[in-house]
Amino acid sequence: MPPVLDYKIDAKLLNKNYQVNWLIPPKFNFTATELKAAKSPVKVKMTVIASSGMIAKVEILKSTGLKVLDAKVIDAVMQAKLESIVLVDRNITYSLIHVLEINNPL
């Protein structure tokens, strides 16, 4: 017997492109010394819970060059929030890659 799904994804939602904006942008807390040493921009991959816009996971794809700053970038992005996508199941996530200018924040 095949597995039974608790929910089904509406076929109309598959292979669609969505554009989301920051509801709460990342707030970076860098010292002047850290900013001078950092390589900008930093590229991150985010896993986002579609129904809430909450960021569940952040991975650094292009580093600042300093582990301390990379950790601060991850923390700032994890506390940020994107717009939600309406009418999707709460279990749906999506990934996106975003470039952040840390020397010239949002």
Protein backbone atom coordinates (compact mmCIF):
# COMPACT_ATOMS: atom_id res chain seq x y z
CA MET A 1 0.00 0.00 0.00
CA PRO A 2 1.46 3.45 -0.91
CA PRO A 3 2.12 6.01 1.82
CA VAL A 4 -0.78 8.27 2.73
CA LEU A 5 -0.14 12.00 2.89
CA ASP A 6 -1.73 14.14 5.58
CA TYR A 7 -1.95 16.98 3.12
CA LYS A 8 -1.68 17.47 -0.61
CA ILE A 9 -0.02 20.31 -2.45
CA ASP A 10 -2.33 22.12 -4.83
CA ALA A 11 -0.87 21.62 -8.31
CA LYS A 12 -1.58 25.30 -9.07
CA LEU A 13 1.05 26.26 -6.46
CA LEU A 14 3.83 24.16 -7.96
CA ASN A 15 6.39 25.75 -10.28
CA LYS A 16 5.18 29.25 -9.54
CA ASN A 17 7.43 32.22 -9.01
CA TYR A 18 6.83 34.39 -6.00
CA GLN A 19 8.37 37.69 -5.03
CA VAL A 20 8.65 38.40 -1.32
CA ASN A 21 9.98 41.42 0.51
CA TRP A 22 11.42 41.86 3.97
CA LEU A 23 8.83 42.46 6.69
CA ILE A 24 11.65 42.69 9.21
CA PRO A 25 15.01 43.19 7.48
CA PRO A 26 18.20 41.79 9.01
CA LYS A 27 19.82 44.18 11.47
CA PHE A 28 23.59 43.87 11.52
CA ASN A 29 25.52 44.73 14.65
CA PHE A 30 29.13 45.10 13.51
CA THR A 31 31.89 47.18 15.00
CA ALA A 32 33.82 49.61 12.78
CA THR A 33 36.85 47.31 12.99
CA GLU A 34 34.81 44.29 11.89
CA LEU A 35 33.37 46.22 8.95
CA LYS A 36 36.84 47.23 7.77
CA ALA A 37 38.01 43.61 7.84
CA ALA A 38 34.89 42.19 6.19
CA LYS A 39 34.57 41.28 2.55
CA SER A 40 31.24 42.40 1.15
CA PRO A 41 28.86 41.27 -0.21
CA VAL A 42 28.02 38.07 1.62
CA LYS A 43 25.83 35.46 -0.09
CA VAL A 44 23.41 33.36 1.98
CA LYS A 45 20.99 30.54 1.31
CA MET A 46 17.83 30.75 3.39
CA THR A 47 15.17 28.15 4.05
CA VAL A 48 11.88 29.93 4.68
CA ILE A 49 8.57 28.68 6.08
CA ALA A 50 6.25 29.89 3.32
CA SER A 51 3.07 30.40 5.37
CA SER A 52 4.74 32.58 8.02
CA GLY A 53 7.80 34.10 6.35
CA MET A 54 9.94 32.89 9.25
CA ILE A 55 13.50 31.94 8.34
CA ALA A 56 14.24 28.40 9.51
CA LYS A 57 17.84 27.97 8.35
CA VAL A 58 20.67 30.13 7.01
CA GLU A 59 23.78 28.89 5.25
CA ILE A 60 26.71 31.09 4.19
CA LEU A 61 27.60 30.55 0.51
CA LYS A 62 30.08 33.45 0.19
CA SER A 63 31.81 34.36 3.43
CA THR A 64 32.71 37.74 4.86
CA GLY A 65 36.15 36.27 5.46
CA LEU A 66 35.71 36.24 9.24
CA LYS A 67 33.93 33.46 11.15
CA VAL A 68 32.75 35.91 13.82
CA LEU A 69 31.08 38.10 11.20
CA ASP A 70 29.58 35.10 9.41
CA ALA A 71 27.98 34.07 12.72
CA LYS A 72 26.61 37.60 13.17
CA VAL A 73 25.17 37.53 9.64
CA ILE A 74 23.48 34.19 10.35
CA ASP A 75 22.02 35.52 13.62
CA ALA A 76 20.74 38.71 11.96
CA VAL A 77 19.11 36.84 9.08
CA MET A 78 17.53 34.27 11.44
CA GLN A 79 15.86 37.13 13.34
CA ALA A 80 14.59 38.74 10.14
CA LYS A 81 11.27 37.89 8.52
CA LEU A 82 10.00 37.78 4.95
CA GLU A 83 6.47 38.25 3.68
CA SER A 84 4.37 35.13 3.93
CA ILE A 85 2.90 33.38 0.91
CA VAL A 86 -0.84 33.12 1.40
CA LEU A 87 -2.87 29.96 0.93
CA VAL A 88 0.01 27.51 1.35
CA ASP A 89 0.23 24.68 3.83
CA ARG A 90 2.12 25.50 7.02
CA ASN A 91 4.56 22.66 6.28
CA ILE A 92 5.74 24.09 2.96
CA THR A 93 9.23 25.61 2.89
CA TYR A 94 11.24 27.15 0.11
CA SER A 95 14.89 28.06 -0.32
CA LEU A 96 16.33 31.20 -1.79
CA ILE A 97 19.76 32.67 -2.30
CA HIS A 98 20.25 36.31 -1.38
CA VAL A 99 23.21 38.67 -1.54
CA LEU A 100 23.59 41.04 1.41
CA GLU A 101 25.70 44.17 1.30
CA ILE A 102 27.05 44.31 4.83
CA ASN A 103 29.06 47.49 4.30
CA ASN A 104 25.90 49.23 3.11
CA PRO A 105 23.06 47.50 4.98
CA LEU A 106 19.39 47.70 3.96
